Amino acid sequence: MNKILNLTLISAIALVLSAGCASKEMGAHVDATDEATVKSAIYIGHLKNEKAIDAIKKAAEKTGWRVTEFKSNAVIVEKVVDGETISRTIKVYNRHISGDEEASGSELKELRQAIVEELKEQKESSSH
C-alpha cells in the first residue's frame, strides 16, 4: 500500500511539473518589440478584422490619408506632408490595432485619434 501511495504521489508531482513547463513553452512571450507595440496600440477587443479595417479606412479618409489594402488584416496609409510622403502599415492583431512604428508626429497622432473615434462610433451604432 505504501508503494502505491508513493508511486501516486510521484506521478502527481511529475504531472504538475510537466504541466508547468508546458505552459511556459506555449504561453505568450513578451519581448521588447511587444512592449513598444502595447504602448501605441489601440485595443479593439473581439472586433472582427473586417470591421477594424473598415474603421481604419474611414478614419484615414477623413484625415486625408490614402489607403491601400495590403492583406486581410493590414492596410498601408500614405500622406504627403510638406513635400514628403509619410507611409505606415497598420495591422489588426488579435485584440488590437498597431502601426509598424510607434506613432510620432502630429499627422500620425491625428490619424490614431480618428481611428479611436471611428471605433467608438461603430460600437455605439452596433449597440443600438
N, C-alpha and C. Protein backbone atom coordinates (compact mmCIF):
# COMPACT_ATOMS: atom_id res chain seq x y z
N MET A 1 0.82 -1.19 0.00
CA MET A 1 0.00 0.00 0.00
C MET A 1 0.87 1.26 0.00
N ASN A 2 1.95 1.18 0.77
CA ASN A 2 2.87 2.30 0.86
C ASN A 2 3.51 2.60 -0.51
N LYS A 3 3.85 1.55 -1.25
CA LYS A 3 4.46 1.71 -2.57
C LYS A 3 3.48 2.37 -3.54
N ILE A 4 2.21 2.00 -3.47
CA ILE A 4 1.19 2.58 -4.37
C ILE A 4 1.01 4.07 -4.05
N LEU A 5 0.98 4.40 -2.77
CA LEU A 5 0.85 5.80 -2.36
C LEU A 5 2.04 6.63 -2.82
N ASN A 6 3.26 6.10 -2.66
CA ASN A 6 4.46 6.79 -3.11
C ASN A 6 4.47 6.97 -4.63
N LEU A 7 4.08 5.92 -5.32
CA LEU A 7 4.03 5.98 -6.78
C LEU A 7 3.00 7.01 -7.26
N THR A 8 1.86 7.04 -6.61
CA THR A 8 0.81 8.01 -6.95
C THR A 8 1.31 9.43 -6.69
N LEU A 9 1.96 9.64 -5.56
CA LEU A 9 2.49 10.96 -5.21
C LEU A 9 3.55 11.41 -6.21
N ILE A 10 4.45 10.53 -6.57
CA ILE A 10 5.50 10.86 -7.55
C ILE A 10 4.88 11.17 -8.91
N SER A 11 3.88 10.38 -9.29
CA SER A 11 3.21 10.63 -10.57
C SER A 11 2.51 11.98 -10.58
N ALA A 12 1.86 12.31 -9.47
CA ALA A 12 1.16 13.60 -9.38
C ALA A 12 2.15 14.76 -9.46
N ILE A 13 3.26 14.65 -8.77
CA ILE A 13 4.28 15.70 -8.80
C ILE A 13 4.86 15.84 -10.21
N ALA A 14 5.12 14.73 -10.86
CA ALA A 14 5.65 14.77 -12.23
C ALA A 14 4.66 15.42 -13.18
N LEU A 15 3.38 15.10 -13.01
CA LEU A 15 2.33 15.69 -13.85
C LEU A 15 2.26 17.20 -13.66
N VAL A 16 2.30 17.66 -12.42
CA VAL A 16 2.25 19.09 -12.12
C VAL A 16 3.46 19.80 -12.72
N LEU A 17 4.63 19.22 -12.53
CA LEU A 17 5.85 19.84 -13.08
C LEU A 17 5.84 19.88 -14.60
N SER A 18 5.39 18.80 -15.23
CA SER A 18 5.36 18.80 -16.70
C SER A 18 4.32 19.78 -17.23
N ALA A 19 3.20 19.93 -16.54
CA ALA A 19 2.18 20.91 -16.97
C ALA A 19 2.72 22.32 -16.82
N GLY A 20 3.47 22.57 -15.75
CA GLY A 20 4.06 23.90 -15.55
C GLY A 20 5.07 24.23 -16.63
N CYS A 21 5.89 23.29 -17.00
CA CYS A 21 6.89 23.50 -18.05
C CYS A 21 6.22 23.69 -19.40
N ALA A 22 5.18 22.92 -19.67
CA ALA A 22 4.49 23.03 -20.96
C ALA A 22 3.82 24.38 -21.08
N SER A 23 3.24 24.90 -20.00
CA SER A 23 2.57 26.19 -20.10
C SER A 23 3.56 27.31 -20.36
N LYS A 24 4.79 27.18 -19.87
CA LYS A 24 5.80 28.19 -20.16
C LYS A 24 6.17 28.16 -21.64
N GLU A 25 6.21 26.97 -22.22
CA GLU A 25 6.54 26.83 -23.63
C GLU A 25 5.46 27.43 -24.51
N MET A 26 4.20 27.20 -24.17
CA MET A 26 3.10 27.58 -25.04
C MET A 26 2.58 28.98 -24.74
N GLY A 27 2.95 29.58 -23.63
CA GLY A 27 2.40 30.86 -23.23
C GLY A 27 2.87 32.00 -24.13
N ALA A 28 2.23 33.15 -23.94
CA ALA A 28 2.61 34.34 -24.71
C ALA A 28 3.94 34.86 -24.20
N HIS A 29 4.83 35.14 -25.12
CA HIS A 29 6.13 35.67 -24.76
C HIS A 29 6.14 37.16 -25.10
N VAL A 30 6.60 37.97 -24.17
CA VAL A 30 6.68 39.41 -24.40
C VAL A 30 8.14 39.78 -24.54
N ASP A 31 8.48 40.36 -25.69
CA ASP A 31 9.84 40.85 -25.85
C ASP A 31 9.79 42.37 -25.99
N ALA A 32 10.91 42.98 -26.24
CA ALA A 32 10.99 44.44 -26.29
C ALA A 32 10.07 45.04 -27.35
N THR A 33 9.93 44.40 -28.51
CA THR A 33 9.07 44.96 -29.55
C THR A 33 7.60 44.88 -29.16
N ASP A 34 7.20 43.81 -28.45
CA ASP A 34 5.82 43.71 -27.99
C ASP A 34 5.50 44.81 -27.00
N GLU A 35 6.43 45.11 -26.10
CA GLU A 35 6.20 46.16 -25.13
C GLU A 35 6.00 47.51 -25.82
N ALA A 36 6.76 47.80 -26.86
CA ALA A 36 6.60 49.06 -27.58
C ALA A 36 5.26 49.09 -28.30
N THR A 37 4.85 47.96 -28.85
CA THR A 37 3.57 47.89 -29.56
C THR A 37 2.42 48.16 -28.61
N VAL A 38 2.47 47.59 -27.43
CA VAL A 38 1.40 47.76 -26.47
C VAL A 38 1.20 49.23 -26.12
N LYS A 39 2.27 50.00 -26.04
CA LYS A 39 2.17 51.41 -25.69
C LYS A 39 1.40 52.21 -26.73
N SER A 40 1.55 51.88 -27.99
CA SER A 40 0.92 52.67 -29.05
C SER A 40 -0.30 51.99 -29.66
N ALA A 41 -0.61 50.78 -29.21
CA ALA A 41 -1.71 50.01 -29.80
C ALA A 41 -3.07 50.56 -29.39
N ILE A 42 -4.05 50.27 -30.24
CA ILE A 42 -5.44 50.62 -29.95
C ILE A 42 -6.17 49.32 -29.65
N TYR A 43 -6.68 49.19 -28.45
CA TYR A 43 -7.37 47.97 -28.04
C TYR A 43 -8.72 47.89 -28.75
N ILE A 44 -9.04 46.72 -29.34
CA ILE A 44 -10.31 46.56 -30.06
C ILE A 44 -11.14 45.39 -29.54
N GLY A 45 -10.66 44.69 -28.56
CA GLY A 45 -11.43 43.57 -28.00
C GLY A 45 -11.61 42.47 -29.04
N HIS A 46 -12.84 42.00 -29.17
CA HIS A 46 -13.15 40.90 -30.08
C HIS A 46 -13.71 41.39 -31.42
N LEU A 47 -13.43 42.60 -31.80
CA LEU A 47 -13.91 43.15 -33.06
C LEU A 47 -13.29 42.37 -34.22
N LYS A 48 -14.11 42.05 -35.21
CA LYS A 48 -13.62 41.30 -36.37
C LYS A 48 -12.67 42.17 -37.20
N ASN A 49 -11.74 41.50 -37.88
CA ASN A 49 -10.75 42.19 -38.71
C ASN A 49 -11.42 43.12 -39.72
N GLU A 50 -12.48 42.65 -40.37
CA GLU A 50 -13.13 43.45 -41.42
C GLU A 50 -13.65 44.77 -40.86
N LYS A 51 -14.25 44.73 -39.68
CA LYS A 51 -14.79 45.95 -39.08
C LYS A 51 -13.67 46.89 -38.63
N ALA A 52 -12.60 46.32 -38.12
CA ALA A 52 -11.46 47.14 -37.70
C ALA A 52 -10.80 47.79 -38.92
N ILE A 53 -10.63 47.05 -40.00
CA ILE A 53 -10.05 47.60 -41.24
C ILE A 53 -10.97 48.69 -41.79
N ASP A 54 -12.28 48.46 -41.74
CA ASP A 54 -13.24 49.47 -42.21
C ASP A 54 -13.11 50.76 -41.40
N ALA A 55 -12.95 50.64 -40.09
CA ALA A 55 -12.78 51.82 -39.24
C ALA A 55 -11.48 52.56 -39.58
N ILE A 56 -10.42 51.81 -39.84
CA ILE A 56 -9.14 52.44 -40.21
C ILE A 56 -9.30 53.20 -41.52
N LYS A 57 -9.94 52.57 -42.50
CA LYS A 57 -10.13 53.22 -43.81
C LYS A 57 -10.93 54.51 -43.69
N LYS A 58 -12.03 54.46 -42.96
CA LYS A 58 -12.88 55.66 -42.80
C LYS A 58 -12.11 56.77 -42.09
N ALA A 59 -11.39 56.41 -41.03
CA ALA A 59 -10.61 57.41 -40.29
C ALA A 59 -9.51 58.00 -41.15
N ALA A 60 -8.87 57.17 -41.94
CA ALA A 60 -7.78 57.65 -42.81
C ALA A 60 -8.32 58.61 -43.86
N GLU A 61 -9.44 58.26 -44.47
CA GLU A 61 -10.03 59.12 -45.49
C GLU A 61 -10.45 60.46 -44.90
N LYS A 62 -11.02 60.44 -43.69
CA LYS A 62 -11.45 61.68 -43.02
C LYS A 62 -10.27 62.61 -42.73
N THR A 63 -9.10 62.04 -42.50
CA THR A 63 -7.93 62.85 -42.14
C THR A 63 -6.95 63.04 -43.29
N GLY A 64 -7.37 62.67 -44.51
CA GLY A 64 -6.56 62.97 -45.69
C GLY A 64 -5.48 61.95 -46.04
N TRP A 65 -5.59 60.75 -45.54
CA TRP A 65 -4.62 59.70 -45.85
C TRP A 65 -5.15 58.86 -47.01
N ARG A 66 -4.27 58.41 -47.87
CA ARG A 66 -4.62 57.47 -48.94
C ARG A 66 -4.43 56.07 -48.36
N VAL A 67 -5.39 55.19 -48.62
CA VAL A 67 -5.36 53.85 -48.05
C VAL A 67 -5.21 52.81 -49.15
N THR A 68 -4.29 51.88 -48.95
CA THR A 68 -4.10 50.76 -49.87
C THR A 68 -4.27 49.47 -49.07
N GLU A 69 -5.18 48.61 -49.53
CA GLU A 69 -5.34 47.33 -48.85
C GLU A 69 -4.09 46.50 -49.11
N PHE A 70 -3.57 45.93 -48.04
CA PHE A 70 -2.31 45.19 -48.13
C PHE A 70 -2.54 43.70 -47.91
N LYS A 71 -3.22 43.36 -46.85
CA LYS A 71 -3.57 41.97 -46.51
C LYS A 71 -4.96 42.00 -45.89
N SER A 72 -5.47 40.85 -45.55
CA SER A 72 -6.80 40.80 -44.94
C SER A 72 -6.80 41.46 -43.56
N ASN A 73 -5.64 41.58 -42.95
CA ASN A 73 -5.56 42.20 -41.63
C ASN A 73 -4.65 43.44 -41.61
N ALA A 74 -4.38 44.03 -42.77
CA ALA A 74 -3.47 45.18 -42.79
C ALA A 74 -3.77 46.11 -43.96
N VAL A 75 -3.48 47.39 -43.73
CA VAL A 75 -3.55 48.40 -44.79
C VAL A 75 -2.29 49.26 -44.72
N ILE A 76 -1.99 49.90 -45.83
CA ILE A 76 -0.90 50.87 -45.87
C ILE A 76 -1.55 52.24 -46.01
N VAL A 77 -1.18 53.16 -45.16
CA VAL A 77 -1.69 54.53 -45.24
C VAL A 77 -0.56 55.44 -45.67
N GLU A 78 -0.89 56.40 -46.55
CA GLU A 78 0.12 57.34 -47.06
C GLU A 78 -0.45 58.75 -47.08
N LYS A 79 0.43 59.70 -46.81
CA LYS A 79 0.03 61.10 -46.84
C LYS A 79 1.25 61.95 -47.16
N VAL A 80 1.06 62.96 -48.00
CA VAL A 80 2.15 63.89 -48.32
C VAL A 80 2.06 65.06 -47.35
N VAL A 81 3.14 65.28 -46.61
CA VAL A 81 3.21 66.37 -45.65
C VAL A 81 4.49 67.15 -45.92
N ASP A 82 4.34 68.44 -46.24
CA ASP A 82 5.49 69.31 -46.54
C ASP A 82 6.39 68.72 -47.63
N GLY A 83 5.78 68.16 -48.66
CA GLY A 83 6.52 67.61 -49.78
C GLY A 83 7.13 66.24 -49.54
N GLU A 84 6.92 65.69 -48.37
CA GLU A 84 7.47 64.36 -48.04
C GLU A 84 6.33 63.39 -47.80
N THR A 85 6.46 62.19 -48.36
CA THR A 85 5.41 61.19 -48.18
C THR A 85 5.67 60.38 -46.92
N ILE A 86 4.64 60.34 -46.08
CA ILE A 86 4.68 59.53 -44.87
C ILE A 86 3.86 58.29 -45.16
N SER A 87 4.37 57.13 -44.83
CA SER A 87 3.57 55.91 -45.00
C SER A 87 3.80 54.98 -43.82
N ARG A 88 2.74 54.29 -43.45
CA ARG A 88 2.80 53.33 -42.36
C ARG A 88 1.93 52.14 -42.72
N THR A 89 2.31 50.99 -42.24
CA THR A 89 1.47 49.80 -42.33
C THR A 89 0.73 49.69 -41.01
N ILE A 90 -0.59 49.61 -41.10
CA ILE A 90 -1.41 49.45 -39.90
C ILE A 90 -2.01 48.05 -39.95
N LYS A 91 -1.78 47.31 -38.88
CA LYS A 91 -2.18 45.91 -38.84
C LYS A 91 -3.19 45.67 -37.72
N VAL A 92 -4.13 44.78 -38.00
CA VAL A 92 -5.09 44.36 -36.99
C VAL A 92 -4.61 43.03 -36.44
N TYR A 93 -4.35 43.02 -35.15
CA TYR A 93 -3.91 41.80 -34.48
C TYR A 93 -5.11 41.18 -33.78
N ASN A 94 -4.88 40.23 -32.91
CA ASN A 94 -5.95 39.51 -32.25
C ASN A 94 -6.89 40.43 -31.47
N ARG A 95 -6.36 41.35 -30.72
CA ARG A 95 -7.20 42.23 -29.91
C ARG A 95 -6.79 43.70 -29.97
N HIS A 96 -5.91 44.04 -30.91
CA HIS A 96 -5.51 45.44 -31.00
C HIS A 96 -5.09 45.80 -32.43
N ILE A 97 -5.03 47.10 -32.66
CA ILE A 97 -4.55 47.66 -33.93
C ILE A 97 -3.22 48.33 -33.61
N SER A 98 -2.24 48.13 -34.48
CA SER A 98 -0.95 48.73 -34.24
C SER A 98 -0.27 49.06 -35.56
N GLY A 99 0.51 50.13 -35.57
CA GLY A 99 1.28 50.51 -36.74
C GLY A 99 2.64 49.87 -36.73
N ASP A 100 3.35 49.98 -37.86
CA ASP A 100 4.68 49.38 -37.95
C ASP A 100 5.72 50.16 -37.16
N GLU A 101 5.41 51.37 -36.81
CA GLU A 101 6.29 52.17 -35.97
C GLU A 101 5.42 52.90 -34.96
N GLU A 102 6.00 53.24 -33.85
CA GLU A 102 5.24 53.98 -32.85
C GLU A 102 4.84 55.33 -33.46
N ALA A 103 3.59 55.72 -33.23
CA ALA A 103 3.08 56.97 -33.80
C ALA A 103 3.91 58.16 -33.33
N SER A 104 4.39 58.91 -34.28
CA SER A 104 5.11 60.13 -33.96
C SER A 104 4.69 61.18 -34.98
N GLY A 105 4.73 62.38 -34.59
CA GLY A 105 4.31 63.45 -35.48
C GLY A 105 2.82 63.71 -35.36
N SER A 106 2.43 64.95 -35.58
CA SER A 106 1.03 65.33 -35.39
C SER A 106 0.09 64.64 -36.37
N GLU A 107 0.53 64.39 -37.59
CA GLU A 107 -0.33 63.73 -38.58
C GLU A 107 -0.69 62.31 -38.15
N LEU A 108 0.29 61.57 -37.65
CA LEU A 108 0.04 60.21 -37.20
C LEU A 108 -0.81 60.18 -35.94
N LYS A 109 -0.58 61.12 -35.05
CA LYS A 109 -1.41 61.21 -33.84
C LYS A 109 -2.85 61.55 -34.20
N GLU A 110 -3.01 62.42 -35.19
CA GLU A 110 -4.36 62.77 -35.66
C GLU A 110 -5.05 61.55 -36.26
N LEU A 111 -4.33 60.76 -37.03
CA LEU A 111 -4.88 59.54 -37.61
C LEU A 111 -5.26 58.56 -36.51
N ARG A 112 -4.40 58.39 -35.54
CA ARG A 112 -4.68 57.47 -34.43
C ARG A 112 -5.95 57.89 -33.71
N GLN A 113 -6.09 59.17 -33.43
CA GLN A 113 -7.28 59.68 -32.74
C GLN A 113 -8.53 59.45 -33.58
N ALA A 114 -8.42 59.66 -34.90
CA ALA A 114 -9.56 59.44 -35.79
C ALA A 114 -9.97 57.97 -35.81
N ILE A 115 -9.01 57.06 -35.74
CA ILE A 115 -9.32 55.63 -35.69
C ILE A 115 -10.06 55.31 -34.40
N VAL A 116 -9.60 55.84 -33.29
CA VAL A 116 -10.25 55.62 -32.00
C VAL A 116 -11.69 56.13 -32.05
N GLU A 117 -11.90 57.32 -32.61
CA GLU A 117 -13.25 57.89 -32.70
C GLU A 117 -14.14 57.05 -33.61
N GLU A 118 -13.60 56.58 -34.71
CA GLU A 118 -14.38 55.75 -35.64
C GLU A 118 -14.78 54.43 -34.97
N LEU A 119 -13.89 53.85 -34.20
CA LEU A 119 -14.21 52.62 -33.48
C LEU A 119 -15.32 52.86 -32.45
N LYS A 120 -15.27 54.02 -31.78
CA LYS A 120 -16.32 54.36 -30.81
C LYS A 120 -17.66 54.51 -31.52
N GLU A 121 -17.66 55.16 -32.69
CA GLU A 121 -18.89 55.32 -33.46
C GLU A 121 -19.44 53.97 -33.87
N GLN A 122 -18.58 53.07 -34.32
CA GLN A 122 -19.01 51.72 -34.70
C GLN A 122 -19.64 51.00 -33.51
N LYS A 123 -19.01 51.12 -32.37
CA LYS A 123 -19.51 50.45 -31.16
C LYS A 123 -20.88 50.99 -30.77
N GLU A 124 -21.02 52.33 -30.81
CA GLU A 124 -22.30 52.95 -30.46
C GLU A 124 -23.41 52.56 -31.43
N SER A 125 -23.10 52.54 -32.73
CA SER A 125 -24.13 52.21 -33.71
C SER A 125 -24.52 50.73 -33.65
N SER A 126 -23.60 49.87 -33.26
CA SER A 126 -23.93 48.44 -33.17
C SER A 126 -24.68 48.11 -31.90
N SER A 127 -24.57 48.95 -30.87
CA SER A 127 -25.26 48.69 -29.61
C SER A 127 -26.71 49.16 -29.64
N HIS A 128 -27.07 49.95 -30.64
CA HIS A 128 -28.47 50.44 -30.73
C HIS A 128 -29.32 49.52 -31.52
